[in-house]
């Protein structure tokens, strides 16, 4: 995680996400990886890996280009410097188990904890 910025500050806040890997798309360098949820980045942010902060969008079943929702959790990778926000429509929530199940297609390769407000 970026030592200067705590991404837990996003918890409970409205967050705009630009989707660069919509639901159903393939990973650009690993074509066996298919995105089962919309996945994108928060513009004008920098994550621990030097790229924009990534975000999973839960609760929307169609591919998107952009989405504004509430940050309900942060997936903090303990073996990688690339935390992920978990964004959902206002009023919708997911258990830690539901978050893990929906993000497992990618998160299965990392160790992590889920931060909540």
N, C-alpha and C. Protein backbone atom coordinates (compact mmCIF):
# COMPACT_ATOMS: atom_id res chain seq x y z
N UNK A 1 0.84 -1.18 0.00
CA UNK A 1 0.00 0.00 0.00
C UNK A 1 0.88 1.24 0.00
N UNK A 2 0.44 2.26 -0.65
CA UNK A 2 1.13 3.53 -0.68
C UNK A 2 1.29 4.04 0.75
N UNK A 3 2.51 4.23 1.23
CA UNK A 3 2.70 4.62 2.62
C UNK A 3 2.21 6.02 2.94
N UNK A 4 1.97 6.85 1.94
CA UNK A 4 1.57 8.23 2.15
C UNK A 4 0.05 8.38 2.22
N UNK A 5 -0.68 7.48 1.56
CA UNK A 5 -2.12 7.65 1.45
C UNK A 5 -2.84 6.40 1.92
N UNK A 6 -3.81 6.56 2.79
CA UNK A 6 -4.60 5.44 3.31
C UNK A 6 -5.90 5.37 2.52
N UNK A 7 -6.05 4.32 1.72
CA UNK A 7 -7.22 4.20 0.85
C UNK A 7 -8.50 3.93 1.62
N UNK A 8 -8.40 3.68 2.92
CA UNK A 8 -9.61 3.54 3.74
C UNK A 8 -10.38 4.85 3.80
N UNK A 9 -9.73 5.96 3.43
CA UNK A 9 -10.42 7.25 3.42
C UNK A 9 -11.56 7.27 2.40
N UNK A 10 -11.55 6.36 1.44
CA UNK A 10 -12.62 6.27 0.46
C UNK A 10 -13.88 5.60 1.01
N UNK A 11 -13.74 4.85 2.10
CA UNK A 11 -14.88 4.10 2.64
C UNK A 11 -16.06 5.00 2.96
N UNK A 12 -17.24 4.60 2.45
CA UNK A 12 -18.46 5.36 2.68
C UNK A 12 -18.64 6.56 1.77
N UNK A 13 -17.69 6.80 0.90
CA UNK A 13 -17.74 7.98 0.02
C UNK A 13 -18.22 7.61 -1.39
N UNK A 14 -18.79 8.60 -2.08
CA UNK A 14 -19.10 8.46 -3.51
C UNK A 14 -17.80 8.44 -4.29
N UNK A 15 -17.68 7.51 -5.21
CA UNK A 15 -16.46 7.37 -5.99
C UNK A 15 -16.83 7.18 -7.46
N UNK A 16 -16.19 7.96 -8.33
CA UNK A 16 -16.36 7.81 -9.77
C UNK A 16 -15.28 6.85 -10.29
N UNK A 17 -15.72 5.83 -11.03
CA UNK A 17 -14.80 4.84 -11.57
C UNK A 17 -14.94 4.82 -13.08
N UNK A 18 -13.83 4.89 -13.77
CA UNK A 18 -13.80 4.69 -15.22
C UNK A 18 -13.50 3.22 -15.46
N UNK A 19 -14.35 2.57 -16.21
CA UNK A 19 -14.23 1.13 -16.43
C UNK A 19 -13.37 0.89 -17.67
N UNK A 20 -12.21 0.26 -17.47
CA UNK A 20 -11.37 -0.09 -18.62
C UNK A 20 -11.40 -1.60 -18.89
N UNK A 21 -12.03 -2.34 -17.99
CA UNK A 21 -12.21 -3.78 -18.19
C UNK A 21 -13.64 -4.14 -17.80
N UNK A 22 -14.56 -3.95 -18.73
CA UNK A 22 -15.97 -4.21 -18.42
C UNK A 22 -16.25 -5.70 -18.19
N UNK A 23 -17.33 -5.94 -17.50
CA UNK A 23 -17.76 -7.31 -17.23
C UNK A 23 -17.77 -8.11 -18.54
N UNK A 24 -17.14 -9.29 -18.52
CA UNK A 24 -17.09 -10.16 -19.69
C UNK A 24 -15.86 -9.98 -20.55
N UNK A 25 -15.05 -8.95 -20.28
CA UNK A 25 -13.86 -8.72 -21.10
C UNK A 25 -12.70 -9.59 -20.62
N UNK A 26 -11.69 -9.69 -21.46
CA UNK A 26 -10.50 -10.47 -21.14
C UNK A 26 -9.38 -9.55 -20.68
N UNK A 27 -8.51 -10.06 -19.83
CA UNK A 27 -7.35 -9.31 -19.38
C UNK A 27 -6.44 -9.06 -20.58
N UNK A 28 -5.85 -7.85 -20.69
CA UNK A 28 -5.06 -7.53 -21.89
C UNK A 28 -3.80 -8.37 -22.08
N UNK A 29 -3.20 -8.86 -21.01
CA UNK A 29 -1.97 -9.66 -21.17
C UNK A 29 -2.14 -11.11 -20.73
N UNK A 30 -3.26 -11.44 -20.13
CA UNK A 30 -3.54 -12.81 -19.69
C UNK A 30 -4.94 -13.19 -20.18
N UNK A 31 -5.05 -13.62 -21.45
CA UNK A 31 -6.37 -13.83 -22.06
C UNK A 31 -7.22 -14.91 -21.40
N UNK A 32 -6.63 -15.73 -20.53
CA UNK A 32 -7.42 -16.73 -19.81
C UNK A 32 -8.21 -16.12 -18.67
N UNK A 33 -7.87 -14.88 -18.28
CA UNK A 33 -8.56 -14.20 -17.19
C UNK A 33 -9.71 -13.38 -17.76
N UNK A 34 -10.93 -13.74 -17.35
CA UNK A 34 -12.12 -13.03 -17.80
C UNK A 34 -12.70 -12.26 -16.61
N UNK A 35 -13.05 -11.01 -16.83
CA UNK A 35 -13.60 -10.17 -15.77
C UNK A 35 -15.08 -10.50 -15.56
N UNK A 36 -15.39 -11.00 -14.37
CA UNK A 36 -16.76 -11.40 -14.05
C UNK A 36 -17.56 -10.25 -13.43
N UNK A 37 -16.87 -9.14 -13.14
CA UNK A 37 -17.51 -7.90 -12.69
C UNK A 37 -16.84 -6.75 -13.44
N UNK A 38 -17.47 -5.61 -13.45
CA UNK A 38 -16.85 -4.42 -14.03
C UNK A 38 -15.66 -4.02 -13.16
N UNK A 39 -14.57 -3.61 -13.84
CA UNK A 39 -13.32 -3.30 -13.15
C UNK A 39 -12.72 -2.07 -13.80
N UNK A 40 -12.28 -1.14 -12.99
CA UNK A 40 -11.72 0.07 -13.55
C UNK A 40 -10.82 0.78 -12.57
N UNK A 41 -10.73 2.09 -12.75
CA UNK A 41 -9.80 2.88 -11.93
C UNK A 41 -10.45 4.21 -11.55
N UNK A 42 -9.92 4.78 -10.49
CA UNK A 42 -10.38 6.08 -10.01
C UNK A 42 -9.45 7.13 -10.60
N UNK A 43 -9.97 8.00 -11.47
CA UNK A 43 -9.11 9.01 -12.10
C UNK A 43 -8.42 9.90 -11.06
N UNK A 44 -7.23 10.34 -11.43
CA UNK A 44 -6.48 11.30 -10.61
C UNK A 44 -6.07 10.76 -9.24
N UNK A 45 -5.82 9.45 -9.17
CA UNK A 45 -5.31 8.84 -7.95
C UNK A 45 -4.06 8.05 -8.30
N UNK A 46 -3.28 7.73 -7.31
CA UNK A 46 -2.11 6.88 -7.50
C UNK A 46 -2.12 5.82 -6.40
N UNK A 47 -2.03 4.57 -6.80
CA UNK A 47 -1.99 3.45 -5.87
C UNK A 47 -0.53 3.12 -5.53
N UNK A 48 -0.36 2.14 -4.68
CA UNK A 48 0.97 1.72 -4.27
C UNK A 48 1.83 1.19 -5.40
N UNK A 49 1.19 0.74 -6.48
CA UNK A 49 1.95 0.22 -7.63
C UNK A 49 2.32 1.31 -8.63
N UNK A 50 1.98 2.57 -8.31
CA UNK A 50 2.30 3.68 -9.20
C UNK A 50 1.27 3.95 -10.26
N UNK A 51 0.26 3.12 -10.35
CA UNK A 51 -0.85 3.30 -11.31
C UNK A 51 -2.05 3.87 -10.58
N UNK A 52 -3.09 4.20 -11.35
CA UNK A 52 -4.31 4.69 -10.71
C UNK A 52 -4.94 3.60 -9.83
N UNK A 53 -5.64 4.03 -8.81
CA UNK A 53 -6.28 3.12 -7.87
C UNK A 53 -7.39 2.34 -8.57
N UNK A 54 -7.33 1.01 -8.45
CA UNK A 54 -8.29 0.13 -9.12
C UNK A 54 -9.54 -0.06 -8.27
N UNK A 55 -10.63 -0.45 -8.94
CA UNK A 55 -11.89 -0.66 -8.24
C UNK A 55 -12.72 -1.74 -8.92
N UNK A 56 -13.32 -2.57 -8.09
CA UNK A 56 -14.31 -3.55 -8.55
C UNK A 56 -15.68 -2.91 -8.36
N UNK A 57 -16.56 -3.10 -9.35
CA UNK A 57 -17.94 -2.63 -9.25
C UNK A 57 -18.82 -3.85 -9.03
N UNK A 58 -19.50 -3.92 -7.90
CA UNK A 58 -20.40 -5.03 -7.61
C UNK A 58 -21.85 -4.55 -7.71
N UNK A 59 -22.75 -5.47 -8.03
CA UNK A 59 -24.18 -5.16 -8.04
C UNK A 59 -24.71 -4.65 -9.36
N UNK A 60 -23.89 -4.62 -10.40
CA UNK A 60 -24.32 -4.21 -11.73
C UNK A 60 -24.02 -5.36 -12.69
N UNK A 61 -25.02 -5.87 -13.37
CA UNK A 61 -24.85 -7.06 -14.20
C UNK A 61 -24.52 -6.79 -15.66
N UNK A 62 -24.46 -5.54 -16.06
CA UNK A 62 -24.17 -5.23 -17.46
C UNK A 62 -22.82 -4.52 -17.57
N UNK A 63 -22.13 -4.68 -18.70
CA UNK A 63 -20.86 -3.97 -18.89
C UNK A 63 -21.07 -2.45 -18.84
N UNK A 64 -20.13 -1.76 -18.23
CA UNK A 64 -20.21 -0.31 -18.06
C UNK A 64 -18.98 0.38 -18.63
N UNK A 65 -19.11 1.69 -18.84
CA UNK A 65 -17.96 2.52 -19.23
C UNK A 65 -17.53 3.41 -18.07
N UNK A 66 -18.49 3.76 -17.22
CA UNK A 66 -18.23 4.63 -16.09
C UNK A 66 -19.30 4.34 -15.04
N UNK A 67 -18.94 4.54 -13.77
CA UNK A 67 -19.91 4.27 -12.71
C UNK A 67 -19.57 5.12 -11.50
N UNK A 68 -20.61 5.67 -10.87
CA UNK A 68 -20.43 6.39 -9.61
C UNK A 68 -21.23 5.66 -8.54
N UNK A 69 -20.55 5.23 -7.50
CA UNK A 69 -21.20 4.50 -6.42
C UNK A 69 -20.48 4.73 -5.11
N UNK A 70 -20.88 3.95 -4.11
CA UNK A 70 -20.34 4.08 -2.76
C UNK A 70 -19.24 3.05 -2.55
N UNK A 71 -18.14 3.48 -1.96
CA UNK A 71 -17.06 2.56 -1.60
C UNK A 71 -17.48 1.83 -0.33
N UNK A 72 -17.75 0.52 -0.45
CA UNK A 72 -18.22 -0.26 0.70
C UNK A 72 -17.09 -1.03 1.38
N UNK A 73 -15.94 -1.16 0.69
CA UNK A 73 -14.82 -1.91 1.27
C UNK A 73 -13.55 -1.61 0.48
N UNK A 74 -12.43 -1.95 1.09
CA UNK A 74 -11.13 -1.92 0.42
C UNK A 74 -10.53 -3.31 0.56
N UNK A 75 -10.10 -3.88 -0.55
CA UNK A 75 -9.35 -5.13 -0.49
C UNK A 75 -7.88 -4.74 -0.39
N UNK A 76 -7.31 -4.98 0.79
CA UNK A 76 -5.91 -4.64 1.04
C UNK A 76 -5.08 -5.90 0.82
N UNK A 77 -4.31 -5.90 -0.24
CA UNK A 77 -3.44 -7.03 -0.55
C UNK A 77 -2.22 -6.97 0.36
N UNK A 78 -2.01 -8.03 1.11
CA UNK A 78 -0.89 -8.06 2.06
C UNK A 78 0.40 -8.52 1.41
N UNK A 79 0.32 -9.04 0.19
CA UNK A 79 1.52 -9.50 -0.52
C UNK A 79 1.75 -8.76 -1.83
N UNK A 80 1.14 -7.57 -1.96
CA UNK A 80 1.24 -6.77 -3.18
C UNK A 80 0.90 -5.33 -2.84
N UNK A 81 1.46 -4.37 -3.55
CA UNK A 81 1.17 -2.95 -3.31
C UNK A 81 0.07 -2.45 -4.24
N UNK A 82 -1.06 -3.11 -4.26
CA UNK A 82 -2.11 -2.73 -5.21
C UNK A 82 -3.49 -2.97 -4.59
N UNK A 83 -3.86 -2.14 -3.61
CA UNK A 83 -5.17 -2.26 -2.98
C UNK A 83 -6.27 -1.97 -4.00
N UNK A 84 -7.45 -2.52 -3.74
CA UNK A 84 -8.60 -2.37 -4.63
C UNK A 84 -9.79 -1.84 -3.86
N UNK A 85 -10.47 -0.86 -4.41
CA UNK A 85 -11.73 -0.41 -3.83
C UNK A 85 -12.84 -1.34 -4.28
N UNK A 86 -13.87 -1.47 -3.44
CA UNK A 86 -15.07 -2.21 -3.80
C UNK A 86 -16.20 -1.19 -3.80
N UNK A 87 -16.79 -1.00 -4.97
CA UNK A 87 -17.82 0.03 -5.17
C UNK A 87 -19.15 -0.66 -5.46
N UNK A 88 -20.22 -0.13 -4.88
CA UNK A 88 -21.56 -0.68 -5.10
C UNK A 88 -22.55 0.47 -5.26
N UNK A 89 -23.71 0.18 -5.86
CA UNK A 89 -24.76 1.21 -5.92
C UNK A 89 -25.18 1.63 -4.52
N UNK A 90 -25.59 2.88 -4.38
CA UNK A 90 -26.04 3.41 -3.10
C UNK A 90 -27.13 2.51 -2.53
N UNK A 91 -27.01 2.15 -1.25
CA UNK A 91 -28.00 1.32 -0.58
C UNK A 91 -27.76 -0.17 -0.71
N UNK A 92 -26.79 -0.58 -1.52
CA UNK A 92 -26.51 -2.00 -1.72
C UNK A 92 -25.25 -2.34 -0.94
N UNK A 93 -25.27 -3.50 -0.28
CA UNK A 93 -24.11 -3.92 0.48
C UNK A 93 -23.84 -5.39 0.22
N UNK A 94 -22.63 -5.83 0.51
CA UNK A 94 -22.21 -7.21 0.31
C UNK A 94 -21.41 -7.64 1.52
N UNK A 95 -21.54 -8.91 1.90
CA UNK A 95 -20.73 -9.44 2.99
C UNK A 95 -19.30 -9.64 2.48
N UNK A 96 -18.38 -9.84 3.42
CA UNK A 96 -17.00 -10.13 3.03
C UNK A 96 -16.95 -11.38 2.15
N UNK A 97 -17.75 -12.38 2.49
CA UNK A 97 -17.78 -13.62 1.71
C UNK A 97 -18.27 -13.36 0.28
N UNK A 98 -19.29 -12.51 0.13
CA UNK A 98 -19.79 -12.18 -1.20
C UNK A 98 -18.75 -11.40 -2.00
N UNK A 99 -18.05 -10.48 -1.34
CA UNK A 99 -16.99 -9.73 -2.01
C UNK A 99 -15.90 -10.68 -2.48
N UNK A 100 -15.48 -11.58 -1.60
CA UNK A 100 -14.43 -12.54 -1.99
C UNK A 100 -14.89 -13.42 -3.15
N UNK A 101 -16.12 -13.88 -3.12
CA UNK A 101 -16.62 -14.75 -4.20
C UNK A 101 -16.65 -14.01 -5.53
N UNK A 102 -17.08 -12.75 -5.52
CA UNK A 102 -17.22 -12.01 -6.77
C UNK A 102 -15.89 -11.49 -7.32
N UNK A 103 -14.89 -11.37 -6.48
CA UNK A 103 -13.58 -10.88 -6.94
C UNK A 103 -12.54 -11.99 -7.03
N UNK A 104 -12.93 -13.20 -6.72
CA UNK A 104 -12.00 -14.33 -6.69
C UNK A 104 -11.31 -14.60 -8.02
N UNK A 105 -11.97 -14.28 -9.13
CA UNK A 105 -11.37 -14.52 -10.45
C UNK A 105 -9.98 -13.89 -10.55
N UNK A 106 -9.76 -12.80 -9.82
CA UNK A 106 -8.46 -12.13 -9.83
C UNK A 106 -7.76 -12.19 -8.48
N UNK A 107 -8.52 -12.04 -7.40
CA UNK A 107 -7.93 -11.97 -6.06
C UNK A 107 -7.42 -13.32 -5.57
N UNK A 108 -7.79 -14.41 -6.23
CA UNK A 108 -7.32 -15.73 -5.81
C UNK A 108 -5.80 -15.86 -5.83
N UNK A 109 -5.15 -14.99 -6.57
CA UNK A 109 -3.70 -15.05 -6.72
C UNK A 109 -2.95 -14.24 -5.65
N UNK A 110 -3.70 -13.61 -4.74
CA UNK A 110 -3.10 -12.72 -3.74
C UNK A 110 -3.66 -13.02 -2.35
N UNK A 111 -2.89 -12.64 -1.33
CA UNK A 111 -3.37 -12.68 0.04
C UNK A 111 -3.90 -11.29 0.36
N UNK A 112 -5.02 -11.25 1.08
CA UNK A 112 -5.59 -9.94 1.36
C UNK A 112 -6.47 -9.97 2.60
N UNK A 113 -6.78 -8.77 3.07
CA UNK A 113 -7.78 -8.57 4.11
C UNK A 113 -8.77 -7.55 3.55
N UNK A 114 -9.99 -7.61 4.04
CA UNK A 114 -11.01 -6.66 3.61
C UNK A 114 -11.22 -5.64 4.71
N UNK A 115 -11.01 -4.39 4.34
CA UNK A 115 -11.22 -3.29 5.28
C UNK A 115 -12.62 -2.74 5.09
N UNK A 116 -13.26 -2.41 6.19
CA UNK A 116 -14.58 -1.79 6.20
C UNK A 116 -14.55 -0.56 7.07
N UNK A 117 -15.57 0.25 6.94
CA UNK A 117 -15.71 1.46 7.77
C UNK A 117 -16.07 1.06 9.17
